[in-house]
Amino acid sequence: MEKTIDARGQQCPKPVIMTKKAMDEAAPGTVLLVQVDNEIAVSNLQKLAVSQNAEYASVQKGEKLYEVRITVTGEGREHPASQPAYENCCRPEENTVVVISSDKMGEGDEALGRTLMKGFIYALTQLPVPPKTVLLYNGGAKLSCEGSDSAEDLRALEQAGTAVLTCGTCLNHYGLGEKLAAGTVTNMYVIAETQAEAAKIIRP
């Protein structure tokens, strides 16, 4: 059985996430034909295939058309019943806190930084176990407000059980006090306490 996945025009990490979902749902022997428009996406899909013990091949079919052929083997899937007990007891309860202090990710080109941050927040919604808390302050406070490309993804995280907390002082500073579109307003004491109690802190 073959299934075509058209991931052209999708920003990283969507091609990988779309393919991973299809692999998880597919029966062994299924062939996924993933179409992308750049070599980096091809490389990322090949790494995904290797990590899942799947067979893969790629071919360039046009100036901006690449096809990655992945044959699902079923050998790379995780079966909860077969995982070590210590993994099962540690993962779900781990207090992971994501701290976002800017609406951009990394240094350099600002437009690229915004694109990367949008992709990062979307990727959080696709994790098997979402973070316990997302803290947004300074420029990061803009991400949870009306007009933000990430507001919908932050709401999705909230629905999955993640506490999405935005600094109230920061909202007022940027004139966004009435524009919050995801999560709730918090204060600096809670921001400090949440980080102090975290088992793991992620700062994109």
C-alpha atoms as a PDB file:
ATOM      1  CA  MET A   1       0.000   0.000   0.000  1.00  0.00           C
ATOM      2  CA  GLU A   2       1.270   3.479  -0.890  1.00  0.00           C
ATOM      3  CA  LYS A   3       0.328   6.815   0.639  1.00  0.00           C
ATOM      4  CA  THR A   4       1.397  10.222  -0.657  1.00  0.00           C
ATOM      5  CA  ILE A   5       2.098  13.069   1.759  1.00  0.00           C
ATOM      6  CA  ASP A   6       2.380  16.512   0.190  1.00  0.00           C
ATOM      7  CA  ALA A   7       4.529  18.555   2.577  1.00  0.00           C
ATOM      8  CA  ARG A   8       5.665  21.138   0.041  1.00  0.00           C
ATOM      9  CA  GLY A   9       5.572  24.665   1.390  1.00  0.00           C
ATOM     10  CA  GLN A  10       5.469  23.459   5.000  1.00  0.00           C
ATOM     11  CA  GLN A  11       7.913  25.050   7.428  1.00  0.00           C
ATOM     12  CA  CYS A  12      10.165  22.912   9.609  1.00  0.00           C
ATOM     13  CA  PRO A  13       9.247  20.826  11.608  1.00  0.00           C
ATOM     14  CA  LYS A  14       5.882  20.146   9.927  1.00  0.00           C
ATOM     15  CA  PRO A  15       7.137  17.751   7.192  1.00  0.00           C
ATOM     16  CA  VAL A  16       8.766  15.556   9.855  1.00  0.00           C
ATOM     17  CA  ILE A  17       5.715  15.680  12.129  1.00  0.00           C
ATOM     18  CA  MET A  18       3.314  14.886   9.278  1.00  0.00           C
ATOM     19  CA  THR A  19       5.464  11.927   8.249  1.00  0.00           C
ATOM     20  CA  LYS A  20       5.942  10.663  11.814  1.00  0.00           C
ATOM     21  CA  LYS A  21       2.172  10.644  12.352  1.00  0.00           C
ATOM     22  CA  ALA A  22       1.649   8.737   9.114  1.00  0.00           C
ATOM     23  CA  MET A  23       4.332   6.208  10.099  1.00  0.00           C
ATOM     24  CA  ASP A  24       2.730   5.668  13.500  1.00  0.00           C
ATOM     25  CA  GLU A  25      -0.645   4.990  11.887  1.00  0.00           C
ATOM     26  CA  ALA A  26       0.605   2.858   8.989  1.00  0.00           C
ATOM     27  CA  ALA A  27       0.811  -0.918   8.889  1.00  0.00           C
ATOM     28  CA  PRO A  28       4.220  -2.547   8.354  1.00  0.00           C
ATOM     29  CA  GLY A  29       5.051  -2.631   4.673  1.00  0.00           C
ATOM     30  CA  THR A  30       3.262   0.621   3.901  1.00  0.00           C
ATOM     31  CA  VAL A  31       5.187   2.917   1.552  1.00  0.00           C
ATOM     32  CA  LEU A  32       5.004   6.643   2.247  1.00  0.00           C
ATOM     33  CA  LEU A  33       5.837   8.969  -0.640  1.00  0.00           C
ATOM     34  CA  VAL A  34       6.653  12.297   0.982  1.00  0.00           C
ATOM     35  CA  GLN A  35       6.915  15.328  -1.295  1.00  0.00           C
ATOM     36  CA  VAL A  36       8.982  18.303  -0.097  1.00  0.00           C
ATOM     37  CA  ASP A  37      10.553  21.330  -1.751  1.00  0.00           C
ATOM     38  CA  ASN A  38      14.048  21.577  -0.260  1.00  0.00           C
ATOM     39  CA  GLU A  39      17.078  19.425   0.510  1.00  0.00           C
ATOM     40  CA  ILE A  40      17.049  20.185   4.238  1.00  0.00           C
ATOM     41  CA  ALA A  41      13.586  18.649   4.516  1.00  0.00           C
ATOM     42  CA  VAL A  42      14.883  15.598   2.641  1.00  0.00           C
ATOM     43  CA  SER A  43      17.748  15.256   5.116  1.00  0.00           C
ATOM     44  CA  ASN A  44      15.403  15.601   8.100  1.00  0.00           C
ATOM     45  CA  LEU A  45      13.078  12.932   6.708  1.00  0.00           C
ATOM     46  CA  GLN A  46      15.984  10.564   6.128  1.00  0.00           C
ATOM     47  CA  LYS A  47      17.058  11.026   9.750  1.00  0.00           C
ATOM     48  CA  LEU A  48      13.498  10.277  10.854  1.00  0.00           C
ATOM     49  CA  ALA A  49      13.457   7.102   8.767  1.00  0.00           C
ATOM     50  CA  VAL A  50      16.765   5.950  10.253  1.00  0.00           C
ATOM     51  CA  SER A  51      15.527   6.634  13.789  1.00  0.00           C
ATOM     52  CA  GLN A  52      12.460   4.475  13.083  1.00  0.00           C
ATOM     53  CA  ASN A  53      14.435   1.647  11.420  1.00  0.00           C
ATOM     54  CA  ALA A  54      12.544   2.306   8.200  1.00  0.00           C
ATOM     55  CA  GLU A  55      13.834   1.894   4.663  1.00  0.00           C
ATOM     56  CA  TYR A  56      14.166   5.081   2.641  1.00  0.00           C
ATOM     57  CA  ALA A  57      15.254   6.496  -0.693  1.00  0.00           C
ATOM     58  CA  SER A  58      14.994   9.961  -2.187  1.00  0.00           C
ATOM     59  CA  VAL A  59      14.881  11.426  -5.671  1.00  0.00           C
ATOM     60  CA  GLN A  60      14.707  14.971  -7.043  1.00  0.00           C
ATOM     61  CA  LYS A  61      11.822  15.200  -9.518  1.00  0.00           C
ATOM     62  CA  GLY A  62      11.941  18.907 -10.265  1.00  0.00           C
ATOM     63  CA  GLU A  63      13.570  22.213  -9.384  1.00  0.00           C
ATOM     64  CA  LYS A  64      11.655  22.370  -6.110  1.00  0.00           C
ATOM     65  CA  LEU A  65      10.227  18.883  -5.880  1.00  0.00           C
ATOM     66  CA  TYR A  66      11.845  16.074  -3.957  1.00  0.00           C
ATOM     67  CA  GLU A  67      10.221  12.751  -3.138  1.00  0.00           C
ATOM     68  CA  VAL A  68      11.309  10.711  -0.152  1.00  0.00           C
ATOM     69  CA  ARG A  69      10.161   7.099  -0.216  1.00  0.00           C
ATOM     70  CA  ILE A  70       9.852   5.568   3.252  1.00  0.00           C
ATOM     71  CA  THR A  71       8.876   1.950   3.809  1.00  0.00           C
ATOM     72  CA  VAL A  72       7.415   1.412   7.266  1.00  0.00           C
ATOM     73  CA  THR A  73       8.802  -1.654   9.033  1.00  0.00           C
ATOM     74  CA  GLY A  74       7.146  -1.260  12.421  1.00  0.00           C
ATOM     75  CA  GLU A  75      10.461  -1.985  14.142  1.00  0.00           C
ATOM     76  CA  GLY A  76      11.028   1.557  15.379  1.00  0.00           C
ATOM     77  CA  ARG A  77       7.766   2.016  17.222  1.00  0.00           C
ATOM     78  CA  GLU A  78       7.668   2.342  20.964  1.00  0.00           C
ATOM     79  CA  HIS A  79       5.447  -0.072  22.815  1.00  0.00           C
ATOM     80  CA  PRO A  80       4.594   1.227  26.299  1.00  0.00           C
ATOM     81  CA  ALA A  81       4.270  -2.270  27.742  1.00  0.00           C
ATOM     82  CA  SER A  82       7.820  -3.130  26.698  1.00  0.00           C
ATOM     83  CA  GLN A  83       9.498   0.056  27.919  1.00  0.00           C
ATOM     84  CA  PRO A  84      11.642  -0.094  31.050  1.00  0.00           C
ATOM     85  CA  ALA A  85       9.695   0.726  34.190  1.00  0.00           C
ATOM     86  CA  TYR A  86      11.955   3.656  35.042  1.00  0.00           C
ATOM     87  CA  GLU A  87      11.098   5.344  31.733  1.00  0.00           C
ATOM     88  CA  ASN A  88       7.381   4.993  32.350  1.00  0.00           C
ATOM     89  CA  CYS A  89       7.636   6.416  35.860  1.00  0.00           C
ATOM     90  CA  CYS A  90       9.824   9.381  34.950  1.00  0.00           C
ATOM     91  CA  ARG A  91       8.490  10.798  31.703  1.00  0.00           C
ATOM     92  CA  PRO A  92       4.882  11.819  32.394  1.00  0.00           C
ATOM     93  CA  GLU A  93       5.544  13.355  35.802  1.00  0.00           C
ATOM     94  CA  GLU A  94       8.663  15.277  34.819  1.00  0.00           C
ATOM     95  CA  ASN A  95       8.227  18.969  35.598  1.00  0.00           C
ATOM     96  CA  THR A  96       9.463  20.495  32.351  1.00  0.00           C
ATOM     97  CA  VAL A  97       9.147  24.260  32.024  1.00  0.00           C
ATOM     98  CA  VAL A  98       9.609  26.132  28.750  1.00  0.00           C
ATOM     99  CA  VAL A  99      10.775  29.724  29.231  1.00  0.00           C
ATOM    100  CA  ILE A 100      10.237  32.099  26.301  1.00  0.00           C
ATOM    101  CA  SER A 101      11.557  35.637  26.713  1.00  0.00           C
ATOM    102  CA  SER A 102      11.376  36.794  23.096  1.00  0.00           C
ATOM    103  CA  ASP A 103       9.080  36.539  20.091  1.00  0.00           C
ATOM    104  CA  LYS A 104      12.132  35.436  18.094  1.00  0.00           C
ATOM    105  CA  MET A 105      14.355  32.368  18.345  1.00  0.00           C
ATOM    106  CA  GLY A 106      18.109  32.877  18.210  1.00  0.00           C
ATOM    107  CA  GLU A 107      20.204  35.802  16.991  1.00  0.00           C
ATOM    108  CA  GLY A 108      20.500  37.152  13.463  1.00  0.00           C
ATOM    109  CA  ASP A 109      17.706  37.725  10.973  1.00  0.00           C
ATOM    110  CA  GLU A 110      14.540  38.814  12.796  1.00  0.00           C
ATOM    111  CA  ALA A 111      12.095  37.385  10.260  1.00  0.00           C
ATOM    112  CA  LEU A 112      13.856  34.027  10.432  1.00  0.00           C
ATOM    113  CA  GLY A 113      13.832  34.214  14.220  1.00  0.00           C
ATOM    114  CA  ARG A 114      10.053  34.678  14.258  1.00  0.00           C
ATOM    115  CA  THR A 115       9.589  31.772  11.861  1.00  0.00           C
ATOM    116  CA  LEU A 116      11.770  29.538  14.035  1.00  0.00           C
ATOM    117  CA  MET A 117       9.876  30.483  17.201  1.00  0.00           C
ATOM    118  CA  LYS A 118       6.552  29.740  15.522  1.00  0.00           C
ATOM    119  CA  GLY A 119       7.894  26.333  14.473  1.00  0.00           C
ATOM    120  CA  PHE A 120       9.241  25.638  17.958  1.00  0.00           C
ATOM    121  CA  ILE A 121       5.929  26.356  19.674  1.00  0.00           C
ATOM    122  CA  TYR A 122       4.092  24.219  17.126  1.00  0.00           C
ATOM    123  CA  ALA A 123       6.582  21.404  17.777  1.00  0.00           C
ATOM    124  CA  LEU A 124       5.745  21.581  21.489  1.00  0.00           C
ATOM    125  CA  THR A 125       2.132  20.712  20.640  1.00  0.00           C
ATOM    126  CA  GLN A 126       3.316  17.531  18.918  1.00  0.00           C
ATOM    127  CA  LEU A 127       5.441  16.137  21.762  1.00  0.00           C
ATOM    128  CA  PRO A 128       4.216  12.831  23.285  1.00  0.00           C
ATOM    129  CA  VAL A 129       4.323  14.490  26.715  1.00  0.00           C
ATOM    130  CA  PRO A 130       3.737  18.264  26.649  1.00  0.00           C
ATOM    131  CA  PRO A 131       5.650  20.558  29.006  1.00  0.00           C
ATOM    132  CA  LYS A 132       4.026  21.221  32.359  1.00  0.00           C
ATOM    133  CA  THR A 133       4.362  24.993  32.028  1.00  0.00           C
ATOM    134  CA  VAL A 134       5.184  27.600  29.395  1.00  0.00           C
ATOM    135  CA  LEU A 135       6.351  30.939  30.801  1.00  0.00           C
ATOM    136  CA  LEU A 136       6.162  33.998  28.547  1.00  0.00           C
ATOM    137  CA  TYR A 137       7.776  37.283  29.511  1.00  0.00           C
ATOM    138  CA  ASN A 138       9.377  40.378  27.961  1.00  0.00           C
ATOM    139  CA  GLY A 139       9.038  40.021  24.156  1.00  0.00           C
ATOM    140  CA  GLY A 140       7.728  36.490  24.597  1.00  0.00           C
ATOM    141  CA  ALA A 141       4.540  37.947  26.071  1.00  0.00           C
ATOM    142  CA  LYS A 142       3.512  39.031  22.572  1.00  0.00           C
ATOM    143  CA  LEU A 143       3.172  35.400  21.497  1.00  0.00           C
ATOM    144  CA  SER A 144       0.093  34.721  23.621  1.00  0.00           C
ATOM    145  CA  CYS A 145      -1.803  37.789  22.427  1.00  0.00           C
ATOM    146  CA  GLU A 146      -4.318  38.516  19.695  1.00  0.00           C
ATOM    147  CA  GLY A 147      -2.702  38.648  16.274  1.00  0.00           C
ATOM    148  CA  SER A 148       0.099  36.244  17.181  1.00  0.00           C
ATOM    149  CA  ASP A 149       0.751  33.327  14.841  1.00  0.00           C
ATOM    150  CA  SER A 150       1.413  31.170  17.919  1.00  0.00           C
ATOM    151  CA  ALA A 151      -1.738  31.930  19.929  1.00  0.00           C
ATOM    152  CA  GLU A 152      -3.602  28.943  18.491  1.00  0.00           C
ATOM    153  CA  ASP A 153      -0.744  26.556  19.280  1.00  0.00           C
ATOM    154  CA  LEU A 154      -0.497  27.925  22.825  1.00  0.00           C
ATOM    155  CA  ARG A 155      -4.225  27.296  23.264  1.00  0.00           C
ATOM    156  CA  ALA A 156      -3.681  23.746  22.025  1.00  0.00           C
ATOM    157  CA  LEU A 157      -0.977  23.276  24.661  1.00  0.00           C
ATOM    158  CA  GLU A 158      -3.344  24.621  27.297  1.00  0.00           C
ATOM    159  CA  GLN A 159      -5.996  22.117  26.239  1.00  0.00           C
ATOM    160  CA  ALA A 160      -3.378  19.361  26.552  1.00  0.00           C
ATOM    161  CA  GLY A 161      -2.790  20.306  30.182  1.00  0.00           C
ATOM    162  CA  THR A 162       0.076  22.786  29.917  1.00  0.00           C
ATOM    163  CA  ALA A 163      -0.106  25.920  32.057  1.00  0.00           C
ATOM    164  CA  VAL A 164       0.527  28.875  29.740  1.00  0.00           C
ATOM    165  CA  LEU A 165       1.504  31.854  31.913  1.00  0.00           C
ATOM    166  CA  THR A 166       2.239  35.348  30.620  1.00  0.00           C
ATOM    167  CA  CYS A 167       3.869  38.134  32.634  1.00  0.00           C
ATOM    168  CA  GLY A 168       1.291  40.820  33.439  1.00  0.00           C
ATOM    169  CA  THR A 169       3.878  43.592  33.761  1.00  0.00           C
ATOM    170  CA  CYS A 170       5.147  42.734  30.285  1.00  0.00           C
ATOM    171  CA  LEU A 171       1.651  42.801  28.783  1.00  0.00           C
ATOM    172  CA  ASN A 172       1.046  46.244  30.252  1.00  0.00           C
ATOM    173  CA  HIS A 173       4.438  47.500  29.051  1.00  0.00           C
ATOM    174  CA  TYR A 174       3.620  46.540  25.459  1.00  0.00           C
ATOM    175  CA  GLY A 175       0.042  47.837  25.702  1.00  0.00           C
ATOM    176  CA  LEU A 176      -1.350  44.312  25.442  1.00  0.00           C
ATOM    177  CA  GLY A 177      -3.135  44.109  28.788  1.00  0.00           C
ATOM    178  CA  GLU A 178      -6.505  43.481  27.137  1.00  0.00           C
ATOM    179  CA  LYS A 179      -5.195  41.389  24.240  1.00  0.00           C
ATOM    180  CA  LEU A 180      -4.347  38.059  25.906  1.00  0.00           C
ATOM    181  CA  ALA A 181      -5.567  35.232  23.644  1.00  0.00           C
ATOM    182  CA  ALA A 182      -4.072  32.136  25.305  1.00  0.00           C
ATOM    183  CA  GLY A 183      -3.376  31.105  28.873  1.00  0.00           C
ATOM    184  CA  THR A 184      -3.511  33.344  31.923  1.00  0.00           C
ATOM    185  CA  VAL A 185      -1.698  36.358  33.359  1.00  0.00           C
ATOM    186  CA  THR A 186       0.924  35.746  36.031  1.00  0.00           C
ATOM    187  CA  ASN A 187       3.419  37.658  38.171  1.00  0.00           C
ATOM    188  CA  MET A 188       7.167  37.572  38.721  1.00  0.00           C
ATOM    189  CA  TYR A 189       6.914  35.598  41.963  1.00  0.00           C
ATOM    190  CA  VAL A 190       5.140  32.736  40.171  1.00  0.00           C
ATOM    191  CA  ILE A 191       7.636  32.956  37.302  1.00  0.00           C
ATOM    192  CA  ALA A 192      10.539  32.651  39.757  1.00  0.00           C
ATOM    193  CA  GLU A 193       8.868  29.903  41.798  1.00  0.00           C
ATOM    194  CA  THR A 194       7.972  27.855  38.712  1.00  0.00           C
ATOM    195  CA  GLN A 195      11.561  27.891  37.476  1.00  0.00           C
ATOM    196  CA  ALA A 196      12.955  27.121  40.938  1.00  0.00           C
ATOM    197  CA  GLU A 197      10.767  24.014  41.198  1.00  0.00           C
ATOM    198  CA  ALA A 198      11.327  22.805  37.626  1.00  0.00           C
ATOM    199  CA  ALA A 199      13.058  19.495  36.949  1.00  0.00           C
ATOM    200  CA  LYS A 200      14.051  20.750  33.502  1.00  0.00           C
ATOM    201  CA  ILE A 201      14.022  24.211  31.923  1.00  0.00           C
ATOM    202  CA  ILE A 202      14.035  24.691  28.145  1.00  0.00           C
ATOM    203  CA  ARG A 203      14.971  28.099  26.726  1.00  0.00           C
ATOM    204  CA  PRO A 204      14.610  28.285  22.928  1.00  0.00           C
END
